[in-house]
Structures are given as C-alpha cells and as structure tokens.
Amino acid sequence: MTNLSATVKMLRKQHGLTQEELSLKSGVGLRFVRELEQGKLTLRLDKVNQLLRLFNYEMMPTHHISHETSTNIL
C-alpha cells in the first residue's frame, strides 16, 4: 500500500463512504477507486485529482534532481 492509497482509504472511511459511493461522488470508475486503494503504481494523475478534489486535496508532480543529474546540468 502506498501513502496515496492509505490516505484515500482513510479519507473515504472518515467521510463514511463506500468505494462505490466514492466512485459515484467523484465521477471516477469503481475499478479506479479499488486499484488506487490497493496501491496500483500507475494511475492517471488527472483521475487521481478528480477523486481528491472531493476532499479538497490535489496531487502535483514534483521534479527531483539527483546528485548525478545536477552535476551534468551545471
């Protein structure tokens, strides 16, 4: 389970929603909700955010520069 999947599951339960209710309220498919909560590693960010907006959250990509990459840039 990933941090994202654990957080979504916790938020869903805090709001007293089933996976099916979360799916309907957020507008994403039930399969997507299940895969997200099970920690699937490849998910569409737009769909994740569509679901997270229900809880006033948003996930954004970040840029990580490793030591090897930063020495090549400079």
PDB file of N, CA and C in Angstrom:
ATOM      1  N   MET A   1       0.848  -1.184   0.000  1.00  0.00           N
ATOM      2  CA  MET A   1       0.000   0.000   0.000  1.00  0.00           C
ATOM      3  C   MET A   1       0.894   1.248   0.000  1.00  0.00           C
ATOM      4  N   THR A   2       0.558   2.222  -0.821  1.00  0.00           N
ATOM      5  CA  THR A   2       1.320   3.465  -0.903  1.00  0.00           C
ATOM      6  C   THR A   2       0.721   4.512   0.036  1.00  0.00           C
ATOM      7  N   ASN A   3       1.449   5.613   0.230  1.00  0.00           N
ATOM      8  CA  ASN A   3       0.920   6.712   1.044  1.00  0.00           C
ATOM      9  C   ASN A   3      -0.388   7.226   0.452  1.00  0.00           C
ATOM     10  N   LEU A   4      -0.430   7.352  -0.866  1.00  0.00           N
ATOM     11  CA  LEU A   4      -1.634   7.838  -1.534  1.00  0.00           C
ATOM     12  C   LEU A   4      -2.805   6.898  -1.289  1.00  0.00           C
ATOM     13  N   SER A   5      -2.590   5.614  -1.472  1.00  0.00           N
ATOM     14  CA  SER A   5      -3.688   4.657  -1.295  1.00  0.00           C
ATOM     15  C   SER A   5      -4.180   4.652   0.148  1.00  0.00           C
ATOM     16  N   ALA A   6      -3.261   4.709   1.101  1.00  0.00           N
ATOM     17  CA  ALA A   6      -3.648   4.734   2.513  1.00  0.00           C
ATOM     18  C   ALA A   6      -4.414   6.009   2.847  1.00  0.00           C
ATOM     19  N   THR A   7      -3.986   7.125   2.285  1.00  0.00           N
ATOM     20  CA  THR A   7      -4.650   8.403   2.543  1.00  0.00           C
ATOM     21  C   THR A   7      -6.061   8.413   1.970  1.00  0.00           C
ATOM     22  N   VAL A   8      -6.216   7.945   0.752  1.00  0.00           N
ATOM     23  CA  VAL A   8      -7.540   7.915   0.125  1.00  0.00           C
ATOM     24  C   VAL A   8      -8.472   7.002   0.911  1.00  0.00           C
ATOM     25  N   LYS A   9      -7.979   5.850   1.299  1.00  0.00           N
ATOM     26  CA  LYS A   9      -8.807   4.918   2.063  1.00  0.00           C
ATOM     27  C   LYS A   9      -9.219   5.545   3.397  1.00  0.00           C
ATOM     28  N   MET A  10      -8.277   6.212   4.076  1.00  0.00           N
ATOM     29  CA  MET A  10      -8.572   6.860   5.345  1.00  0.00           C
ATOM     30  C   MET A  10      -9.615   7.970   5.164  1.00  0.00           C
ATOM     31  N   LEU A  11      -9.436   8.811   4.137  1.00  0.00           N
ATOM     32  CA  LEU A  11     -10.387   9.896   3.879  1.00  0.00           C
ATOM     33  C   LEU A  11     -11.776   9.351   3.560  1.00  0.00           C
ATOM     34  N   ARG A  12     -11.807   8.301   2.750  1.00  0.00           N
ATOM     35  CA  ARG A  12     -13.092   7.691   2.391  1.00  0.00           C
ATOM     36  C   ARG A  12     -13.821   7.198   3.630  1.00  0.00           C
ATOM     37  N   LYS A  13     -13.093   6.515   4.499  1.00  0.00           N
ATOM     38  CA  LYS A  13     -13.715   5.971   5.710  1.00  0.00           C
ATOM     39  C   LYS A  13     -14.113   7.082   6.677  1.00  0.00           C
ATOM     40  N   GLN A  14     -13.286   8.136   6.788  1.00  0.00           N
ATOM     41  CA  GLN A  14     -13.621   9.261   7.659  1.00  0.00           C
ATOM     42  C   GLN A  14     -14.934   9.925   7.235  1.00  0.00           C
ATOM     43  N   HIS A  15     -15.180   9.918   5.929  1.00  0.00           N
ATOM     44  CA  HIS A  15     -16.396  10.529   5.399  1.00  0.00           C
ATOM     45  C   HIS A  15     -17.548   9.525   5.276  1.00  0.00           C
ATOM     46  N   GLY A  16     -17.323   8.315   5.769  1.00  0.00           N
ATOM     47  CA  GLY A  16     -18.380   7.309   5.795  1.00  0.00           C
ATOM     48  C   GLY A  16     -18.831   6.849   4.422  1.00  0.00           C
ATOM     49  N   LEU A  17     -17.882   6.786   3.478  1.00  0.00           N
ATOM     50  CA  LEU A  17     -18.222   6.392   2.111  1.00  0.00           C
ATOM     51  C   LEU A  17     -17.742   4.986   1.814  1.00  0.00           C
ATOM     52  N   THR A  18     -18.528   4.265   1.028  1.00  0.00           N
ATOM     53  CA  THR A  18     -18.062   3.004   0.472  1.00  0.00           C
ATOM     54  C   THR A  18     -17.241   3.327  -0.770  1.00  0.00           C
ATOM     55  N   GLN A  19     -16.534   2.352  -1.289  1.00  0.00           N
ATOM     56  CA  GLN A  19     -15.801   2.570  -2.538  1.00  0.00           C
ATOM     57  C   GLN A  19     -16.751   2.952  -3.662  1.00  0.00           C
ATOM     58  N   GLU A  20     -17.906   2.316  -3.696  1.00  0.00           N
ATOM     59  CA  GLU A  20     -18.888   2.616  -4.736  1.00  0.00           C
ATOM     60  C   GLU A  20     -19.404   4.055  -4.604  1.00  0.00           C
ATOM     61  N   GLU A  21     -19.688   4.491  -3.392  1.00  0.00           N
ATOM     62  CA  GLU A  21     -20.150   5.871  -3.181  1.00  0.00           C
ATOM     63  C   GLU A  21     -19.074   6.877  -3.560  1.00  0.00           C
ATOM     64  N   LEU A  22     -17.829   6.574  -3.213  1.00  0.00           N
ATOM     65  CA  LEU A  22     -16.720   7.459  -3.593  1.00  0.00           C
ATOM     66  C   LEU A  22     -16.606   7.542  -5.104  1.00  0.00           C
ATOM     67  N   SER A  23     -16.759   6.431  -5.757  1.00  0.00           N
ATOM     68  CA  SER A  23     -16.726   6.387  -7.213  1.00  0.00           C
ATOM     69  C   SER A  23     -17.808   7.284  -7.809  1.00  0.00           C
ATOM     70  N   LEU A  24     -19.013   7.151  -7.322  1.00  0.00           N
ATOM     71  CA  LEU A  24     -20.137   7.942  -7.847  1.00  0.00           C
ATOM     72  C   LEU A  24     -19.973   9.436  -7.561  1.00  0.00           C
ATOM     73  N   LYS A  25     -19.584   9.770  -6.340  1.00  0.00           N
ATOM     74  CA  LYS A  25     -19.462  11.179  -5.953  1.00  0.00           C
ATOM     75  C   LYS A  25     -18.306  11.878  -6.657  1.00  0.00           C
ATOM     76  N   SER A  26     -17.225  11.155  -6.926  1.00  0.00           N
ATOM     77  CA  SER A  26     -16.055  11.768  -7.550  1.00  0.00           C
ATOM     78  C   SER A  26     -16.102  11.696  -9.074  1.00  0.00           C
ATOM     79  N   GLY A  27     -16.915  10.793  -9.608  1.00  0.00           N
ATOM     80  CA  GLY A  27     -17.025  10.669 -11.054  1.00  0.00           C
ATOM     81  C   GLY A  27     -15.973   9.788 -11.696  1.00  0.00           C
ATOM     82  N   VAL A  28     -15.270   9.008 -10.887  1.00  0.00           N
ATOM     83  CA  VAL A  28     -14.311   8.048 -11.448  1.00  0.00           C
ATOM     84  C   VAL A  28     -14.908   6.653 -11.311  1.00  0.00           C
ATOM     85  N   GLY A  29     -14.366   5.720 -12.041  1.00  0.00           N
ATOM     86  CA  GLY A  29     -14.897   4.360 -12.013  1.00  0.00           C
ATOM     87  C   GLY A  29     -14.577   3.627 -10.720  1.00  0.00           C
ATOM     88  N   LEU A  30     -15.433   2.685 -10.381  1.00  0.00           N
ATOM     89  CA  LEU A  30     -15.231   1.870  -9.192  1.00  0.00           C
ATOM     90  C   LEU A  30     -13.917   1.102  -9.279  1.00  0.00           C
ATOM     91  N   ARG A  31     -13.594   0.614 -10.445  1.00  0.00           N
ATOM     92  CA  ARG A  31     -12.331  -0.116 -10.633  1.00  0.00           C
ATOM     93  C   ARG A  31     -11.144   0.787 -10.312  1.00  0.00           C
ATOM     94  N   PHE A  32     -11.224   2.058 -10.730  1.00  0.00           N
ATOM     95  CA  PHE A  32     -10.154   3.007 -10.449  1.00  0.00           C
ATOM     96  C   PHE A  32      -9.986   3.187  -8.936  1.00  0.00           C
ATOM     97  N   VAL A  33     -11.092   3.356  -8.213  1.00  0.00           N
ATOM     98  CA  VAL A  33     -11.040   3.525  -6.758  1.00  0.00           C
ATOM     99  C   VAL A  33     -10.388   2.297  -6.120  1.00  0.00           C
ATOM    100  N   ARG A  34     -10.797   1.131  -6.543  1.00  0.00           N
ATOM    101  CA  ARG A  34     -10.238  -0.103  -5.978  1.00  0.00           C
ATOM    102  C   ARG A  34      -8.748  -0.216  -6.261  1.00  0.00           C
ATOM    103  N   GLU A  35      -8.342   0.061  -7.491  1.00  0.00           N
ATOM    104  CA  GLU A  35      -6.925  -0.026  -7.841  1.00  0.00           C
ATOM    105  C   GLU A  35      -6.102   1.006  -7.072  1.00  0.00           C
ATOM    106  N   LEU A  36      -6.639   2.214  -6.918  1.00  0.00           N
ATOM    107  CA  LEU A  36      -5.942   3.249  -6.172  1.00  0.00           C
ATOM    108  C   LEU A  36      -5.741   2.811  -4.726  1.00  0.00           C
ATOM    109  N   GLU A  37      -6.791   2.327  -4.093  1.00  0.00           N
ATOM    110  CA  GLU A  37      -6.700   1.909  -2.692  1.00  0.00           C
ATOM    111  C   GLU A  37      -5.829   0.670  -2.508  1.00  0.00           C
ATOM    112  N   GLN A  38      -5.668  -0.122  -3.548  1.00  0.00           N
ATOM    113  CA  GLN A  38      -4.808  -1.304  -3.461  1.00  0.00           C
ATOM    114  C   GLN A  38      -3.350  -0.967  -3.757  1.00  0.00           C
ATOM    115  N   GLY A  39      -3.080   0.301  -4.092  1.00  0.00           N
ATOM    116  CA  GLY A  39      -1.703   0.736  -4.283  1.00  0.00           C
ATOM    117  C   GLY A  39      -1.148   0.567  -5.675  1.00  0.00           C
ATOM    118  N   LYS A  40      -2.013   0.508  -6.683  1.00  0.00           N
ATOM    119  CA  LYS A  40      -1.529   0.404  -8.058  1.00  0.00           C
ATOM    120  C   LYS A  40      -0.557   1.552  -8.322  1.00  0.00           C
ATOM    121  N   LEU A  41       0.576   1.246  -8.906  1.00  0.00           N
ATOM    122  CA  LEU A  41       1.634   2.240  -9.073  1.00  0.00           C
ATOM    123  C   LEU A  41       1.464   3.144 -10.282  1.00  0.00           C
ATOM    124  N   THR A  42       0.691   2.721 -11.262  1.00  0.00           N
ATOM    125  CA  THR A  42       0.495   3.548 -12.452  1.00  0.00           C
ATOM    126  C   THR A  42      -0.961   3.975 -12.543  1.00  0.00           C
ATOM    127  N   LEU A  43      -1.202   5.226 -12.202  1.00  0.00           N
ATOM    128  CA  LEU A  43      -2.540   5.801 -12.242  1.00  0.00           C
ATOM    129  C   LEU A  43      -2.488   7.138 -12.957  1.00  0.00           C
ATOM    130  N   ARG A  44      -3.557   7.505 -13.618  1.00  0.00           N
ATOM    131  CA  ARG A  44      -3.618   8.804 -14.286  1.00  0.00           C
ATOM    132  C   ARG A  44      -3.779   9.909 -13.250  1.00  0.00           C
ATOM    133  N   LEU A  45      -2.895  10.892 -13.303  1.00  0.00           N
ATOM    134  CA  LEU A  45      -2.901  11.975 -12.339  1.00  0.00           C
ATOM    135  C   LEU A  45      -4.192  12.776 -12.404  1.00  0.00           C
ATOM    136  N   ASP A  46      -4.745  12.967 -13.603  1.00  0.00           N
ATOM    137  CA  ASP A  46      -5.993  13.724 -13.705  1.00  0.00           C
ATOM    138  C   ASP A  46      -7.135  13.008 -12.987  1.00  0.00           C
ATOM    139  N   LYS A  47      -7.156  11.688 -13.068  1.00  0.00           N
ATOM    140  CA  LYS A  47      -8.199  10.910 -12.378  1.00  0.00           C
ATOM    141  C   LYS A  47      -7.974  10.926 -10.858  1.00  0.00           C
ATOM    142  N   VAL A  48      -6.710  10.836 -10.438  1.00  0.00           N
ATOM    143  CA  VAL A  48      -6.402  10.920  -9.011  1.00  0.00           C
ATOM    144  C   VAL A  48      -6.905  12.252  -8.472  1.00  0.00           C
ATOM    145  N   ASN A  49      -6.612  13.337  -9.182  1.00  0.00           N
ATOM    146  CA  ASN A  49      -7.040  14.656  -8.732  1.00  0.00           C
ATOM    147  C   ASN A  49      -8.554  14.823  -8.788  1.00  0.00           C
ATOM    148  N   GLN A  50      -9.184  14.208  -9.733  1.00  0.00           N
ATOM    149  CA  GLN A  50     -10.648  14.251  -9.802  1.00  0.00           C
ATOM    150  C   GLN A  50     -11.246  13.669  -8.523  1.00  0.00           C
ATOM    151  N   LEU A  51     -10.675  12.566  -8.070  1.00  0.00           N
ATOM    152  CA  LEU A  51     -11.132  11.939  -6.837  1.00  0.00           C
ATOM    153  C   LEU A  51     -10.739  12.791  -5.624  1.00  0.00           C
ATOM    154  N   LEU A  52      -9.507  13.265  -5.583  1.00  0.00           N
ATOM    155  CA  LEU A  52      -9.024  14.032  -4.430  1.00  0.00           C
ATOM    156  C   LEU A  52      -9.761  15.357  -4.238  1.00  0.00           C
ATOM    157  N   ARG A  53     -10.261  15.940  -5.329  1.00  0.00           N
ATOM    158  CA  ARG A  53     -10.997  17.211  -5.217  1.00  0.00           C
ATOM    159  C   ARG A  53     -12.211  17.085  -4.307  1.00  0.00           C
ATOM    160  N   LEU A  54     -12.761  15.915  -4.228  1.00  0.00           N
ATOM    161  CA  LEU A  54     -13.894  15.676  -3.340  1.00  0.00           C
ATOM    162  C   LEU A  54     -13.525  15.979  -1.883  1.00  0.00           C
ATOM    163  N   PHE A  55     -12.245  15.806  -1.552  1.00  0.00           N
ATOM    164  CA  PHE A  55     -11.757  16.033  -0.194  1.00  0.00           C
ATOM    165  C   PHE A  55     -10.924  17.320  -0.085  1.00  0.00           C
ATOM    166  N   ASN A  56     -10.973  18.153  -1.118  1.00  0.00           N
ATOM    167  CA  ASN A  56     -10.199  19.406  -1.172  1.00  0.00           C
ATOM    168  C   ASN A  56      -8.689  19.173  -1.138  1.00  0.00           C
ATOM    169  N   TYR A  57      -8.243  18.155  -1.847  1.00  0.00           N
ATOM    170  CA  TYR A  57      -6.822  17.862  -1.995  1.00  0.00           C
ATOM    171  C   TYR A  57      -6.478  17.872  -3.478  1.00  0.00           C
ATOM    172  N   GLU A  58      -5.183  18.021  -3.746  1.00  0.00           N
ATOM    173  CA  GLU A  58      -4.685  17.930  -5.117  1.00  0.00           C
ATOM    174  C   GLU A  58      -3.278  17.365  -5.065  1.00  0.00           C
ATOM    175  N   MET A  59      -2.961  16.520  -6.008  1.00  0.00           N
ATOM    176  CA  MET A  59      -1.622  15.959  -6.110  1.00  0.00           C
ATOM    177  C   MET A  59      -0.950  16.570  -7.329  1.00  0.00           C
ATOM    178  N   MET A  60       0.298  16.983  -7.152  1.00  0.00           N
ATOM    179  CA  MET A  60       1.023  17.599  -8.261  1.00  0.00           C
ATOM    180  C   MET A  60       2.363  16.906  -8.441  1.00  0.00           C
ATOM    181  N   PRO A  61       2.831  16.829  -9.667  1.00  0.00           N
ATOM    182  CA  PRO A  61       4.150  16.235  -9.892  1.00  0.00           C
ATOM    183  C   PRO A  61       5.235  17.156  -9.349  1.00  0.00           C
ATOM    184  N   THR A  62       6.309  16.558  -8.904  1.00  0.00           N
ATOM    185  CA  THR A  62       7.456  17.329  -8.450  1.00  0.00           C
ATOM    186  C   THR A  62       8.666  16.927  -9.274  1.00  0.00           C
ATOM    187  N   HIS A  63       9.631  17.775  -9.275  1.00  0.00           N
ATOM    188  CA  HIS A  63      10.849  17.492 -10.021  1.00  0.00           C
ATOM    189  C   HIS A  63      11.954  17.186  -9.023  1.00  0.00           C
ATOM    190  N   HIS A  64      12.538  16.039  -9.146  1.00  0.00           N
ATOM    191  CA  HIS A  64      13.603  15.627  -8.249  1.00  0.00           C
ATOM    192  C   HIS A  64      14.908  15.608  -9.037  1.00  0.00           C
ATOM    193  N   ILE A  65      15.876  16.324  -8.548  1.00  0.00           N
ATOM    194  CA  ILE A  65      17.184  16.333  -9.206  1.00  0.00           C
ATOM    195  C   ILE A  65      18.144  15.530  -8.352  1.00  0.00           C
ATOM    196  N   SER A  66      18.642  14.467  -8.923  1.00  0.00           N
ATOM    197  CA  SER A  66      19.620  13.658  -8.192  1.00  0.00           C
ATOM    198  C   SER A  66      20.987  14.321  -8.287  1.00  0.00           C
ATOM    199  N   HIS A  67      21.897  13.899  -7.461  1.00  0.00           N
ATOM    200  CA  HIS A  67      23.248  14.454  -7.464  1.00  0.00           C
ATOM    201  C   HIS A  67      23.903  14.268  -8.833  1.00  0.00           C
ATOM    202  N   GLU A  68      23.692  13.101  -9.440  1.00  0.00           N
ATOM    203  CA  GLU A  68      24.301  12.823 -10.755  1.00  0.00           C
ATOM    204  C   GLU A  68      23.744  13.770 -11.812  1.00  0.00           C
ATOM    205  N   THR A  69      22.440  13.986 -11.807  1.00  0.00           N
ATOM    206  CA  THR A  69      21.815  14.855 -12.783  1.00  0.00           C
ATOM    207  C   THR A  69      22.246  16.291 -12.590  1.00  0.00           C
ATOM    208  N   SER A  70      22.297  16.764 -11.348  1.00  0.00           N
ATOM    209  CA  SER A  70      22.634  18.162 -11.091  1.00  0.00           C
ATOM    210  C   SER A  70      24.047  18.489 -11.520  1.00  0.00           C
ATOM    211  N   THR A  71      24.981  17.552 -11.436  1.00  0.00           N
ATOM    212  CA  THR A  71      26.356  17.840 -11.858  1.00  0.00           C
ATOM    213  C   THR A  71      26.439  17.934 -13.377  1.00  0.00           C
ATOM    214  N   ASN A  72      25.574  17.210 -14.077  1.00  0.00           N
ATOM    215  CA  ASN A  72      25.579  17.285 -15.548  1.00  0.00           C
ATOM    216  C   ASN A  72      24.950  18.572 -16.062  1.00  0.00           C
ATOM    217  N   ILE A  73      24.019  19.135 -15.304  1.00  0.00           N
ATOM    218  CA  ILE A  73      23.351  20.351 -15.724  1.00  0.00           C
ATOM    219  C   ILE A  73      24.254  21.553 -15.551  1.00  0.00           C
ATOM    220  N   LEU A  74      24.958  21.599 -14.437  1.00  0.00           N
ATOM    221  CA  LEU A  74      25.800  22.748 -14.123  1.00  0.00           C
ATOM    222  C   LEU A  74      27.047  22.654 -14.879  1.00  0.00           C
TER     223      LEU A  74
END
